[in-house]
Amino acid sequence: MRTTLKIDENMLVKAKKSSLKKQQSMESAASGLVSQDLASLSQKNVTRNGILLLPIRVDGRIVTPEMVKQFGDSIV
């Protein structure tokens, strides 16, 4: 679907950088950035055992106990 949007200059620069970095069209880059932003807005505050959990990022990866241990060992 084709539509025309008026966007801020800083968002245009961000979309251009994203498209170059990911080697994709401006259309795909802008769509991806909008999707990420909308996904972050739709996430509700989730708690487990009374503790607020951090939101899952679209481009995030799972942190394992082994990764935490390795990080802890590296700062000692």
PDB file of N, CA and C in Angstrom:
ATOM      1  N   MET A   1       0.840  -1.165   0.000  1.00  0.00           N
ATOM      2  CA  MET A   1       0.000   0.000   0.000  1.00  0.00           C
ATOM      3  C   MET A   1       0.893   1.239   0.000  1.00  0.00           C
ATOM      4  N   ARG A   2       0.535   2.203  -0.759  1.00  0.00           N
ATOM      5  CA  ARG A   2       1.296   3.426  -0.879  1.00  0.00           C
ATOM      6  C   ARG A   2       0.616   4.538  -0.098  1.00  0.00           C
ATOM      7  N   THR A   3       1.431   5.278   0.648  1.00  0.00           N
ATOM      8  CA  THR A   3       0.912   6.435   1.375  1.00  0.00           C
ATOM      9  C   THR A   3       2.023   7.464   1.508  1.00  0.00           C
ATOM     10  N   THR A   4       1.676   8.678   1.791  1.00  0.00           N
ATOM     11  CA  THR A   4       2.659   9.742   1.964  1.00  0.00           C
ATOM     12  C   THR A   4       2.638  10.191   3.414  1.00  0.00           C
ATOM     13  N   LEU A   5       3.822  10.261   4.006  1.00  0.00           N
ATOM     14  CA  LEU A   5       3.947  10.685   5.393  1.00  0.00           C
ATOM     15  C   LEU A   5       4.900  11.863   5.490  1.00  0.00           C
ATOM     16  N   LYS A   6       4.627  12.746   6.406  1.00  0.00           N
ATOM     17  CA  LYS A   6       5.549  13.835   6.714  1.00  0.00           C
ATOM     18  C   LYS A   6       6.261  13.435   8.000  1.00  0.00           C
ATOM     19  N   ILE A   7       7.582  13.227   7.908  1.00  0.00           N
ATOM     20  CA  ILE A   7       8.334  12.784   9.079  1.00  0.00           C
ATOM     21  C   ILE A   7       9.419  13.794   9.415  1.00  0.00           C
ATOM     22  N   ASP A   8       9.849  13.773  10.660  1.00  0.00           N
ATOM     23  CA  ASP A   8      10.916  14.662  11.107  1.00  0.00           C
ATOM     24  C   ASP A   8      12.226  14.304  10.413  1.00  0.00           C
ATOM     25  N   GLU A   9      13.088  15.290  10.289  1.00  0.00           N
ATOM     26  CA  GLU A   9      14.389  15.101   9.639  1.00  0.00           C
ATOM     27  C   GLU A   9      15.220  14.040  10.362  1.00  0.00           C
ATOM     28  N   ASN A  10      15.189  14.054  11.702  1.00  0.00           N
ATOM     29  CA  ASN A  10      15.993  13.078  12.452  1.00  0.00           C
ATOM     30  C   ASN A  10      15.518  11.643  12.219  1.00  0.00           C
ATOM     31  N   MET A  11      14.219  11.462  11.992  1.00  0.00           N
ATOM     32  CA  MET A  11      13.711  10.127  11.690  1.00  0.00           C
ATOM     33  C   MET A  11      14.135   9.681  10.292  1.00  0.00           C
ATOM     34  N   LEU A  12      14.191  10.617   9.371  1.00  0.00           N
ATOM     35  CA  LEU A  12      14.650  10.304   8.021  1.00  0.00           C
ATOM     36  C   LEU A  12      16.112   9.855   8.054  1.00  0.00           C
ATOM     37  N   VAL A  13      16.921  10.565   8.816  1.00  0.00           N
ATOM     38  CA  VAL A  13      18.336  10.204   8.949  1.00  0.00           C
ATOM     39  C   VAL A  13      18.466   8.818   9.576  1.00  0.00           C
ATOM     40  N   LYS A  14      17.665   8.552  10.604  1.00  0.00           N
ATOM     41  CA  LYS A  14      17.696   7.243  11.268  1.00  0.00           C
ATOM     42  C   LYS A  14      17.310   6.124  10.299  1.00  0.00           C
ATOM     43  N   ALA A  15      16.292   6.362   9.487  1.00  0.00           N
ATOM     44  CA  ALA A  15      15.857   5.359   8.511  1.00  0.00           C
ATOM     45  C   ALA A  15      16.935   5.137   7.447  1.00  0.00           C
ATOM     46  N   LYS A  16      17.583   6.211   7.011  1.00  0.00           N
ATOM     47  CA  LYS A  16      18.658   6.075   6.017  1.00  0.00           C
ATOM     48  C   LYS A  16      19.811   5.259   6.579  1.00  0.00           C
ATOM     49  N   LYS A  17      20.212   5.560   7.817  1.00  0.00           N
ATOM     50  CA  LYS A  17      21.308   4.818   8.446  1.00  0.00           C
ATOM     51  C   LYS A  17      20.944   3.342   8.599  1.00  0.00           C
ATOM     52  N   SER A  18      19.706   3.090   9.011  1.00  0.00           N
ATOM     53  CA  SER A  18      19.251   1.712   9.181  1.00  0.00           C
ATOM     54  C   SER A  18      19.246   0.967   7.851  1.00  0.00           C
ATOM     55  N   SER A  19      18.802   1.637   6.793  1.00  0.00           N
ATOM     56  CA  SER A  19      18.745   0.977   5.484  1.00  0.00           C
ATOM     57  C   SER A  19      20.143   0.655   4.967  1.00  0.00           C
ATOM     58  N   LEU A  20      21.099   1.550   5.208  1.00  0.00           N
ATOM     59  CA  LEU A  20      22.471   1.288   4.775  1.00  0.00           C
ATOM     60  C   LEU A  20      23.094   0.160   5.594  1.00  0.00           C
ATOM     61  N   LYS A  21      22.882   0.205   6.906  1.00  0.00           N
ATOM     62  CA  LYS A  21      23.459  -0.799   7.796  1.00  0.00           C
ATOM     63  C   LYS A  21      22.927  -2.194   7.479  1.00  0.00           C
ATOM     64  N   LYS A  22      21.632  -2.287   7.222  1.00  0.00           N
ATOM     65  CA  LYS A  22      21.001  -3.585   6.976  1.00  0.00           C
ATOM     66  C   LYS A  22      20.917  -3.932   5.497  1.00  0.00           C
ATOM     67  N   GLN A  23      21.439  -3.048   4.647  1.00  0.00           N
ATOM     68  CA  GLN A  23      21.415  -3.237   3.194  1.00  0.00           C
ATOM     69  C   GLN A  23      20.005  -3.560   2.709  1.00  0.00           C
ATOM     70  N   GLN A  24      19.081  -2.666   3.040  1.00  0.00           N
ATOM     71  CA  GLN A  24      17.700  -2.830   2.620  1.00  0.00           C
ATOM     72  C   GLN A  24      17.173  -1.489   2.121  1.00  0.00           C
ATOM     73  N   SER A  25      16.007  -1.524   1.526  1.00  0.00           N
ATOM     74  CA  SER A  25      15.421  -0.297   0.988  1.00  0.00           C
ATOM     75  C   SER A  25      14.995   0.627   2.125  1.00  0.00           C
ATOM     76  N   MET A  26      14.853   1.907   1.798  1.00  0.00           N
ATOM     77  CA  MET A  26      14.356   2.879   2.774  1.00  0.00           C
ATOM     78  C   MET A  26      12.967   2.468   3.247  1.00  0.00           C
ATOM     79  N   GLU A  27      12.165   1.958   2.329  1.00  0.00           N
ATOM     80  CA  GLU A  27      10.806   1.522   2.669  1.00  0.00           C
ATOM     81  C   GLU A  27      10.840   0.449   3.752  1.00  0.00           C
ATOM     82  N   SER A  28      11.697  -0.557   3.567  1.00  0.00           N
ATOM     83  CA  SER A  28      11.805  -1.639   4.549  1.00  0.00           C
ATOM     84  C   SER A  28      12.362  -1.136   5.871  1.00  0.00           C
ATOM     85  N   ALA A  29      13.365  -0.261   5.794  1.00  0.00           N
ATOM     86  CA  ALA A  29      13.973   0.273   7.012  1.00  0.00           C
ATOM     87  C   ALA A  29      12.973   1.092   7.812  1.00  0.00           C
ATOM     88  N   ALA A  30      12.251   1.984   7.143  1.00  0.00           N
ATOM     89  CA  ALA A  30      11.265   2.824   7.831  1.00  0.00           C
ATOM     90  C   ALA A  30      10.153   1.966   8.419  1.00  0.00           C
ATOM     91  N   SER A  31       9.707   0.984   7.668  1.00  0.00           N
ATOM     92  CA  SER A  31       8.652   0.095   8.148  1.00  0.00           C
ATOM     93  C   SER A  31       9.122  -0.679   9.376  1.00  0.00           C
ATOM     94  N   GLY A  32      10.361  -1.144   9.342  1.00  0.00           N
ATOM     95  CA  GLY A  32      10.921  -1.874  10.478  1.00  0.00           C
ATOM     96  C   GLY A  32      11.026  -1.015  11.722  1.00  0.00           C
ATOM     97  N   LEU A  33      11.472   0.232  11.552  1.00  0.00           N
ATOM     98  CA  LEU A  33      11.587   1.139  12.693  1.00  0.00           C
ATOM     99  C   LEU A  33      10.221   1.444  13.302  1.00  0.00           C
ATOM    100  N   VAL A  34       9.235   1.643  12.452  1.00  0.00           N
ATOM    101  CA  VAL A  34       7.875   1.902  12.946  1.00  0.00           C
ATOM    102  C   VAL A  34       7.343   0.669  13.672  1.00  0.00           C
ATOM    103  N   SER A  35       7.574  -0.510  13.104  1.00  0.00           N
ATOM    104  CA  SER A  35       7.108  -1.751  13.737  1.00  0.00           C
ATOM    105  C   SER A  35       7.737  -1.948  15.110  1.00  0.00           C
ATOM    106  N   GLN A  36       9.046  -1.689  15.212  1.00  0.00           N
ATOM    107  CA  GLN A  36       9.737  -1.820  16.496  1.00  0.00           C
ATOM    108  C   GLN A  36       9.145  -0.872  17.530  1.00  0.00           C
ATOM    109  N   ASP A  37       8.915   0.352  17.122  1.00  0.00           N
ATOM    110  CA  ASP A  37       8.380   1.349  18.043  1.00  0.00           C
ATOM    111  C   ASP A  37       6.978   0.969  18.504  1.00  0.00           C
ATOM    112  N   LEU A  38       6.151   0.535  17.578  1.00  0.00           N
ATOM    113  CA  LEU A  38       4.789   0.144  17.941  1.00  0.00           C
ATOM    114  C   LEU A  38       4.788  -1.086  18.846  1.00  0.00           C
ATOM    115  N   ALA A  39       5.700  -2.009  18.593  1.00  0.00           N
ATOM    116  CA  ALA A  39       5.791  -3.204  19.432  1.00  0.00           C
ATOM    117  C   ALA A  39       6.183  -2.830  20.856  1.00  0.00           C
ATOM    118  N   SER A  40       7.103  -1.875  20.996  1.00  0.00           N
ATOM    119  CA  SER A  40       7.519  -1.471  22.340  1.00  0.00           C
ATOM    120  C   SER A  40       6.394  -0.752  23.071  1.00  0.00           C
ATOM    121  N   LEU A  41       5.554  -0.027  22.337  1.00  0.00           N
ATOM    122  CA  LEU A  41       4.429   0.667  22.967  1.00  0.00           C
ATOM    123  C   LEU A  41       3.358  -0.302  23.440  1.00  0.00           C
ATOM    124  N   SER A  42       3.207  -1.413  22.722  1.00  0.00           N
ATOM    125  CA  SER A  42       2.133  -2.350  23.045  1.00  0.00           C
ATOM    126  C   SER A  42       2.488  -3.288  24.193  1.00  0.00           C
ATOM    127  N   GLN A  43       3.776  -3.327  24.579  1.00  0.00           N
ATOM    128  CA  GLN A  43       4.163  -4.207  25.672  1.00  0.00           C
ATOM    129  C   GLN A  43       3.680  -3.630  27.000  1.00  0.00           C
ATOM    130  N   LYS A  44       3.062  -4.476  27.781  1.00  0.00           N
ATOM    131  CA  LYS A  44       2.577  -4.058  29.089  1.00  0.00           C
ATOM    132  C   LYS A  44       3.654  -4.333  30.126  1.00  0.00           C
ATOM    133  N   ASN A  45       3.574  -3.626  31.245  1.00  0.00           N
ATOM    134  CA  ASN A  45       4.484  -3.905  32.349  1.00  0.00           C
ATOM    135  C   ASN A  45       4.144  -5.271  32.916  1.00  0.00           C
ATOM    136  N   VAL A  46       5.111  -6.158  32.853  1.00  0.00           N
ATOM    137  CA  VAL A  46       4.910  -7.525  33.318  1.00  0.00           C
ATOM    138  C   VAL A  46       5.744  -7.724  34.577  1.00  0.00           C
ATOM    139  N   THR A  47       5.130  -8.325  35.576  1.00  0.00           N
ATOM    140  CA  THR A  47       5.861  -8.620  36.804  1.00  0.00           C
ATOM    141  C   THR A  47       5.858 -10.118  37.056  1.00  0.00           C
ATOM    142  N   ARG A  48       6.895 -10.571  37.730  1.00  0.00           N
ATOM    143  CA  ARG A  48       6.981 -11.967  38.154  1.00  0.00           C
ATOM    144  C   ARG A  48       7.449 -11.952  39.603  1.00  0.00           C
ATOM    145  N   ASN A  49       6.681 -12.550  40.470  1.00  0.00           N
ATOM    146  CA  ASN A  49       6.981 -12.552  41.909  1.00  0.00           C
ATOM    147  C   ASN A  49       7.157 -11.134  42.448  1.00  0.00           C
ATOM    148  N   GLY A  50       6.375 -10.204  41.905  1.00  0.00           N
ATOM    149  CA  GLY A  50       6.408  -8.821  42.375  1.00  0.00           C
ATOM    150  C   GLY A  50       7.528  -7.977  41.800  1.00  0.00           C
ATOM    151  N   ILE A  51       8.339  -8.545  40.904  1.00  0.00           N
ATOM    152  CA  ILE A  51       9.463  -7.813  40.308  1.00  0.00           C
ATOM    153  C   ILE A  51       9.112  -7.465  38.873  1.00  0.00           C
ATOM    154  N   LEU A  52       9.293  -6.187  38.525  1.00  0.00           N
ATOM    155  CA  LEU A  52       9.014  -5.724  37.170  1.00  0.00           C
ATOM    156  C   LEU A  52      10.046  -6.303  36.212  1.00  0.00           C
ATOM    157  N   LEU A  53       9.581  -6.985  35.174  1.00  0.00           N
ATOM    158  CA  LEU A  53      10.477  -7.573  34.180  1.00  0.00           C
ATOM    159  C   LEU A  53      10.794  -6.548  33.105  1.00  0.00           C
ATOM    160  N   LEU A  54      11.998  -6.603  32.584  1.00  0.00           N
ATOM    161  CA  LEU A  54      12.387  -5.717  31.496  1.00  0.00           C
ATOM    162  C   LEU A  54      11.671  -6.141  30.224  1.00  0.00           C
ATOM    163  N   PRO A  55      11.315  -5.186  29.372  1.00  0.00           N
ATOM    164  CA  PRO A  55      10.632  -5.554  28.126  1.00  0.00           C
ATOM    165  C   PRO A  55      11.573  -6.292  27.186  1.00  0.00           C
ATOM    166  N   ILE A  56      10.997  -7.157  26.371  1.00  0.00           N
ATOM    167  CA  ILE A  56      11.770  -7.893  25.375  1.00  0.00           C
ATOM    168  C   ILE A  56      11.879  -7.031  24.134  1.00  0.00           C
ATOM    169  N   ARG A  57      13.102  -6.780  23.711  1.00  0.00           N
ATOM    170  CA  ARG A  57      13.307  -5.978  22.515  1.00  0.00           C
ATOM    171  C   ARG A  57      13.155  -6.854  21.287  1.00  0.00           C
ATOM    172  N   VAL A  58      12.711  -6.235  20.216  1.00  0.00           N
ATOM    173  CA  VAL A  58      12.517  -6.963  18.964  1.00  0.00           C
ATOM    174  C   VAL A  58      13.837  -7.570  18.500  1.00  0.00           C
ATOM    175  N   ASP A  59      14.924  -6.820  18.639  1.00  0.00           N
ATOM    176  CA  ASP A  59      16.227  -7.295  18.178  1.00  0.00           C
ATOM    177  C   ASP A  59      17.043  -7.900  19.316  1.00  0.00           C
ATOM    178  N   GLY A  60      16.412  -8.102  20.464  1.00  0.00           N
ATOM    179  CA  GLY A  60      17.123  -8.608  21.626  1.00  0.00           C
ATOM    180  C   GLY A  60      17.398 -10.092  21.544  1.00  0.00           C
ATOM    181  N   ARG A  61      18.267 -10.543  22.431  1.00  0.00           N
ATOM    182  CA  ARG A  61      18.537 -11.970  22.499  1.00  0.00           C
ATOM    183  C   ARG A  61      18.387 -12.416  23.949  1.00  0.00           C
ATOM    184  N   ILE A  62      18.232 -13.686  24.138  1.00  0.00           N
ATOM    185  CA  ILE A  62      18.005 -14.243  25.464  1.00  0.00           C
ATOM    186  C   ILE A  62      19.325 -14.299  26.222  1.00  0.00           C
ATOM    187  N   VAL A  63      19.302 -13.837  27.466  1.00  0.00           N
ATOM    188  CA  VAL A  63      20.476 -13.910  28.332  1.00  0.00           C
ATOM    189  C   VAL A  63      20.346 -15.172  29.167  1.00  0.00           C
ATOM    190  N   THR A  64      21.339 -16.036  29.051  1.00  0.00           N
ATOM    191  CA  THR A  64      21.314 -17.316  29.754  1.00  0.00           C
ATOM    192  C   THR A  64      22.092 -17.211  31.070  1.00  0.00           C
ATOM    193  N   PRO A  65      21.839 -18.133  32.004  1.00  0.00           N
ATOM    194  CA  PRO A  65      22.622 -18.137  33.247  1.00  0.00           C
ATOM    195  C   PRO A  65      24.126 -18.279  32.984  1.00  0.00           C
ATOM    196  N   GLU A  66      24.485 -19.018  31.943  1.00  0.00           N
ATOM    197  CA  GLU A  66      25.898 -19.182  31.600  1.00  0.00           C
ATOM    198  C   GLU A  66      26.517 -17.843  31.188  1.00  0.00           C
ATOM    199  N   MET A  67      25.769 -17.036  30.456  1.00  0.00           N
ATOM    200  CA  MET A  67      26.265 -15.723  30.038  1.00  0.00           C
ATOM    201  C   MET A  67      26.471 -14.822  31.250  1.00  0.00           C
ATOM    202  N   VAL A  68      25.546 -14.887  32.207  1.00  0.00           N
ATOM    203  CA  VAL A  68      25.669 -14.080  33.426  1.00  0.00           C
ATOM    204  C   VAL A  68      26.898 -14.512  34.213  1.00  0.00           C
ATOM    205  N   LYS A  69      27.109 -15.830  34.344  1.00  0.00           N
ATOM    206  CA  LYS A  69      28.274 -16.343  35.063  1.00  0.00           C
ATOM    207  C   LYS A  69      29.564 -15.912  34.378  1.00  0.00           C
ATOM    208  N   GLN A  70      29.599 -16.005  33.054  1.00  0.00           N
ATOM    209  CA  GLN A  70      30.787 -15.608  32.303  1.00  0.00           C
ATOM    210  C   GLN A  70      31.071 -14.123  32.509  1.00  0.00           C
ATOM    211  N   PHE A  71      30.035 -13.307  32.493  1.00  0.00           N
ATOM    212  CA  PHE A  71      30.210 -11.877  32.717  1.00  0.00           C
ATOM    213  C   PHE A  71      30.725 -11.623  34.132  1.00  0.00           C
ATOM    214  N   GLY A  72      30.144 -12.315  35.112  1.00  0.00           N
ATOM    215  CA  GLY A  72      30.578 -12.151  36.502  1.00  0.00           C
ATOM    216  C   GLY A  72      32.026 -12.553  36.684  1.00  0.00           C
ATOM    217  N   ASP A  73      32.441 -13.637  36.040  1.00  0.00           N
ATOM    218  CA  ASP A  73      33.827 -14.092  36.129  1.00  0.00           C
ATOM    219  C   ASP A  73      34.784 -13.092  35.497  1.00  0.00           C
ATOM    220  N   SER A  74      34.326 -12.382  34.471  1.00  0.00           N
ATOM    221  CA  SER A  74      35.217 -11.459  33.755  1.00  0.00           C
ATOM    222  C   SER A  74      35.452 -10.155  34.518  1.00  0.00           C
ATOM    223  N   ILE A  75      34.576  -9.812  35.481  1.00  0.00           N
ATOM    224  CA  ILE A  75      34.760  -8.548  36.199  1.00  0.00           C
ATOM    225  C   ILE A  75      35.429  -8.731  37.555  1.00  0.00           C
ATOM    226  N   VAL A  76      35.717  -9.972  37.923  1.00  0.00           N
ATOM    227  CA  VAL A  76      36.357 -10.237  39.224  1.00  0.00           C
ATOM    228  C   VAL A  76      37.835 -10.058  39.129  1.00  0.00           C
TER     229      VAL A  76
END
